[in-house]
Amino acid sequence: MRRTRYFAEKLFSFITLSGCVDECLAVFLVVLLVLSAGCVETKFVYIKAKFLGSGETLEYVFAGPSNLTVKIDSNIPADVKILSNDGEVLTDFGETQRIDMVIELPKGKWKLIIHNPGNKKAVLNIWH
């Protein structure tokens, strides 16, 4: 917090001394936007035509608390689960070809696990 305050004070004094208030304000807003974007822990991923070989597993990690929208379309049934780092099962979708749900993730780290138990290659479209 002290560094942020120090940075803001120095930036303000530079802006007022240089007389380029509009340009410096625009630069400051861009810097602030970039810094605040780094604080967001949620992820959005869209993967079209992800191939998952026989017996292979995909894993995506998310931080809670948050609402996770899970949409998956597969050409063959895939085993889909949401697990904690300790292996606790939050949601077990079972073997399915389509999922379109919103899951409330409690505080902590959670993994979306997609496993192809079959002997054919799965083609997945994933939104989360």
C-alpha atoms as a PDB file:
ATOM      1  CA  MET A   1       0.000   0.000   0.000  1.00  0.00           C
ATOM      2  CA  ARG A   2       2.847   2.386   0.792  1.00  0.00           C
ATOM      3  CA  ARG A   3       4.456   1.760  -2.580  1.00  0.00           C
ATOM      4  CA  THR A   4       1.175   2.429  -4.362  1.00  0.00           C
ATOM      5  CA  ARG A   5       0.673   5.678  -2.482  1.00  0.00           C
ATOM      6  CA  TYR A   6       4.276   6.724  -3.155  1.00  0.00           C
ATOM      7  CA  PHE A   7       3.906   5.895  -6.846  1.00  0.00           C
ATOM      8  CA  ALA A   8       0.626   7.839  -7.082  1.00  0.00           C
ATOM      9  CA  GLU A   9       2.126  10.897  -5.359  1.00  0.00           C
ATOM     10  CA  LYS A  10       5.179  10.906  -7.642  1.00  0.00           C
ATOM     11  CA  LEU A  11       3.014  10.443 -10.721  1.00  0.00           C
ATOM     12  CA  PHE A  12       0.689  13.278  -9.682  1.00  0.00           C
ATOM     13  CA  SER A  13       3.615  15.630  -9.060  1.00  0.00           C
ATOM     14  CA  PHE A  14       5.086  14.705 -12.473  1.00  0.00           C
ATOM     15  CA  ILE A  15       1.759  15.351 -14.201  1.00  0.00           C
ATOM     16  CA  THR A  16       1.292  18.764 -12.632  1.00  0.00           C
ATOM     17  CA  LEU A  17       4.900  19.814 -13.353  1.00  0.00           C
ATOM     18  CA  SER A  18       4.963  18.638 -16.947  1.00  0.00           C
ATOM     19  CA  GLY A  19       1.648  20.195 -17.963  1.00  0.00           C
ATOM     20  CA  CYS A  20       0.605  17.167 -20.020  1.00  0.00           C
ATOM     21  CA  VAL A  21      -2.360  16.249 -17.879  1.00  0.00           C
ATOM     22  CA  ASP A  22      -4.404  14.540 -20.617  1.00  0.00           C
ATOM     23  CA  GLU A  23      -1.592  12.350 -21.930  1.00  0.00           C
ATOM     24  CA  CYS A  24      -0.323  11.409 -18.477  1.00  0.00           C
ATOM     25  CA  LEU A  25      -3.833  10.651 -17.253  1.00  0.00           C
ATOM     26  CA  ALA A  26      -4.359   8.303 -20.190  1.00  0.00           C
ATOM     27  CA  VAL A  27      -1.063   6.523 -19.471  1.00  0.00           C
ATOM     28  CA  PHE A  28      -1.944   6.290 -15.771  1.00  0.00           C
ATOM     29  CA  LEU A  29      -5.338   4.747 -16.563  1.00  0.00           C
ATOM     30  CA  VAL A  30      -3.758   2.165 -18.864  1.00  0.00           C
ATOM     31  CA  VAL A  31      -1.189   1.260 -16.184  1.00  0.00           C
ATOM     32  CA  LEU A  32      -3.952   1.024 -13.572  1.00  0.00           C
ATOM     33  CA  LEU A  33      -5.997  -1.211 -15.868  1.00  0.00           C
ATOM     34  CA  VAL A  34      -3.052  -3.549 -16.454  1.00  0.00           C
ATOM     35  CA  LEU A  35      -2.261  -3.731 -12.733  1.00  0.00           C
ATOM     36  CA  SER A  36      -5.875  -4.418 -11.788  1.00  0.00           C
ATOM     37  CA  ALA A  37      -6.170  -7.106 -14.472  1.00  0.00           C
ATOM     38  CA  GLY A  38      -3.330  -8.956 -12.754  1.00  0.00           C
ATOM     39  CA  CYS A  39      -5.450  -9.187  -9.603  1.00  0.00           C
ATOM     40  CA  VAL A  40      -8.250 -11.135 -11.264  1.00  0.00           C
ATOM     41  CA  GLU A  41      -7.937 -14.852 -10.518  1.00  0.00           C
ATOM     42  CA  THR A  42     -10.699 -16.161 -12.724  1.00  0.00           C
ATOM     43  CA  LYS A  43      -9.909 -17.685 -16.077  1.00  0.00           C
ATOM     44  CA  PHE A  44     -11.924 -17.979 -19.236  1.00  0.00           C
ATOM     45  CA  VAL A  45     -10.963 -20.597 -21.750  1.00  0.00           C
ATOM     46  CA  TYR A  46     -12.565 -21.615 -25.027  1.00  0.00           C
ATOM     47  CA  ILE A  47     -11.031 -24.576 -26.789  1.00  0.00           C
ATOM     48  CA  LYS A  48     -12.484 -25.812 -30.063  1.00  0.00           C
ATOM     49  CA  ALA A  49     -11.685 -29.288 -31.318  1.00  0.00           C
ATOM     50  CA  LYS A  50      -9.354 -30.366 -28.514  1.00  0.00           C
ATOM     51  CA  PHE A  51      -8.307 -33.957 -29.130  1.00  0.00           C
ATOM     52  CA  LEU A  52      -8.125 -36.272 -26.139  1.00  0.00           C
ATOM     53  CA  GLY A  53      -6.580 -39.671 -26.828  1.00  0.00           C
ATOM     54  CA  SER A  54      -7.621 -42.949 -25.292  1.00  0.00           C
ATOM     55  CA  GLY A  55      -6.916 -42.939 -21.544  1.00  0.00           C
ATOM     56  CA  GLU A  56      -5.697 -39.296 -21.554  1.00  0.00           C
ATOM     57  CA  THR A  57      -6.742 -36.623 -19.055  1.00  0.00           C
ATOM     58  CA  LEU A  58      -7.088 -32.831 -19.252  1.00  0.00           C
ATOM     59  CA  GLU A  59      -6.823 -30.708 -16.108  1.00  0.00           C
ATOM     60  CA  TYR A  60      -7.742 -27.039 -15.583  1.00  0.00           C
ATOM     61  CA  VAL A  61      -7.164 -25.272 -12.245  1.00  0.00           C
ATOM     62  CA  PHE A  62      -9.472 -22.576 -10.823  1.00  0.00           C
ATOM     63  CA  ALA A  63      -9.508 -20.503  -7.648  1.00  0.00           C
ATOM     64  CA  GLY A  64     -12.626 -20.180  -5.517  1.00  0.00           C
ATOM     65  CA  PRO A  65     -14.855 -18.742  -4.321  1.00  0.00           C
ATOM     66  CA  SER A  66     -16.388 -18.148  -7.746  1.00  0.00           C
ATOM     67  CA  ASN A  67     -19.043 -19.389 -10.120  1.00  0.00           C
ATOM     68  CA  LEU A  68     -17.625 -21.670 -12.794  1.00  0.00           C
ATOM     69  CA  THR A  69     -19.564 -22.102 -16.021  1.00  0.00           C
ATOM     70  CA  VAL A  70     -18.765 -25.470 -17.559  1.00  0.00           C
ATOM     71  CA  LYS A  71     -19.812 -26.251 -21.136  1.00  0.00           C
ATOM     72  CA  ILE A  72     -18.408 -29.338 -22.799  1.00  0.00           C
ATOM     73  CA  ASP A  73     -19.439 -31.063 -26.034  1.00  0.00           C
ATOM     74  CA  SER A  74     -17.768 -34.355 -26.920  1.00  0.00           C
ATOM     75  CA  ASN A  75     -18.187 -36.855 -29.723  1.00  0.00           C
ATOM     76  CA  ILE A  76     -17.860 -39.751 -27.222  1.00  0.00           C
ATOM     77  CA  PRO A  77     -18.576 -39.968 -23.468  1.00  0.00           C
ATOM     78  CA  ALA A  78     -15.859 -38.482 -21.251  1.00  0.00           C
ATOM     79  CA  ASP A  79     -15.537 -38.720 -17.461  1.00  0.00           C
ATOM     80  CA  VAL A  80     -15.769 -35.188 -15.989  1.00  0.00           C
ATOM     81  CA  LYS A  81     -15.199 -34.193 -12.346  1.00  0.00           C
ATOM     82  CA  ILE A  82     -14.389 -31.139 -10.259  1.00  0.00           C
ATOM     83  CA  LEU A  83     -11.898 -31.984  -7.492  1.00  0.00           C
ATOM     84  CA  SER A  84     -10.107 -30.100  -4.730  1.00  0.00           C
ATOM     85  CA  ASN A  85      -6.317 -30.229  -4.414  1.00  0.00           C
ATOM     86  CA  ASP A  86      -6.848 -32.884  -1.720  1.00  0.00           C
ATOM     87  CA  GLY A  87      -8.883 -35.060  -4.080  1.00  0.00           C
ATOM     88  CA  GLU A  88     -12.281 -34.191  -2.566  1.00  0.00           C
ATOM     89  CA  VAL A  89     -14.985 -34.519  -5.230  1.00  0.00           C
ATOM     90  CA  LEU A  90     -17.114 -31.384  -5.497  1.00  0.00           C
ATOM     91  CA  THR A  91     -19.060 -32.455  -8.591  1.00  0.00           C
ATOM     92  CA  ASP A  92     -18.987 -35.742 -10.479  1.00  0.00           C
ATOM     93  CA  PHE A  93     -20.700 -35.432 -13.857  1.00  0.00           C
ATOM     94  CA  GLY A  94     -19.943 -39.081 -14.642  1.00  0.00           C
ATOM     95  CA  GLU A  95     -19.407 -40.218 -18.224  1.00  0.00           C
ATOM     96  CA  THR A  96     -21.202 -37.747 -20.450  1.00  0.00           C
ATOM     97  CA  GLN A  97     -21.043 -36.136 -23.872  1.00  0.00           C
ATOM     98  CA  ARG A  98     -22.588 -32.767 -22.985  1.00  0.00           C
ATOM     99  CA  ILE A  99     -22.424 -30.495 -19.948  1.00  0.00           C
ATOM    100  CA  ASP A 100     -23.837 -26.976 -19.582  1.00  0.00           C
ATOM    101  CA  MET A 101     -23.869 -25.972 -15.909  1.00  0.00           C
ATOM    102  CA  VAL A 102     -22.786 -23.299 -13.476  1.00  0.00           C
ATOM    103  CA  ILE A 103     -20.963 -24.664 -10.425  1.00  0.00           C
ATOM    104  CA  GLU A 104     -20.367 -22.609  -7.287  1.00  0.00           C
ATOM    105  CA  LEU A 105     -16.761 -23.166  -6.235  1.00  0.00           C
ATOM    106  CA  PRO A 106     -16.008 -22.745  -2.519  1.00  0.00           C
ATOM    107  CA  LYS A 107     -12.830 -21.028  -1.365  1.00  0.00           C
ATOM    108  CA  GLY A 108      -9.666 -22.833  -2.402  1.00  0.00           C
ATOM    109  CA  LYS A 109      -8.106 -24.341  -5.513  1.00  0.00           C
ATOM    110  CA  TRP A 110     -10.238 -26.610  -7.692  1.00  0.00           C
ATOM    111  CA  LYS A 111      -9.484 -28.775 -10.721  1.00  0.00           C
ATOM    112  CA  LEU A 112     -11.744 -29.515 -13.655  1.00  0.00           C
ATOM    113  CA  ILE A 113     -10.731 -33.019 -14.758  1.00  0.00           C
ATOM    114  CA  ILE A 114     -11.763 -34.427 -18.151  1.00  0.00           C
ATOM    115  CA  HIS A 115     -10.767 -38.059 -18.736  1.00  0.00           C
ATOM    116  CA  ASN A 116     -11.292 -40.193 -21.832  1.00  0.00           C
ATOM    117  CA  PRO A 117     -11.946 -43.723 -20.508  1.00  0.00           C
ATOM    118  CA  GLY A 118     -12.706 -45.197 -23.934  1.00  0.00           C
ATOM    119  CA  ASN A 119     -10.465 -46.597 -26.623  1.00  0.00           C
ATOM    120  CA  LYS A 120     -11.359 -43.948 -29.244  1.00  0.00           C
ATOM    121  CA  LYS A 121     -10.012 -40.425 -29.622  1.00  0.00           C
ATOM    122  CA  ALA A 122     -12.392 -37.810 -28.180  1.00  0.00           C
ATOM    123  CA  VAL A 123     -12.973 -34.462 -29.893  1.00  0.00           C
ATOM    124  CA  LEU A 124     -13.980 -31.814 -27.337  1.00  0.00           C
ATOM    125  CA  ASN A 125     -15.295 -28.265 -27.476  1.00  0.00           C
ATOM    126  CA  ILE A 126     -14.739 -26.701 -24.053  1.00  0.00           C
ATOM    127  CA  TRP A 127     -15.929 -23.411 -22.570  1.00  0.00           C
ATOM    128  CA  HIS A 128     -15.184 -22.564 -18.949  1.00  0.00           C
END
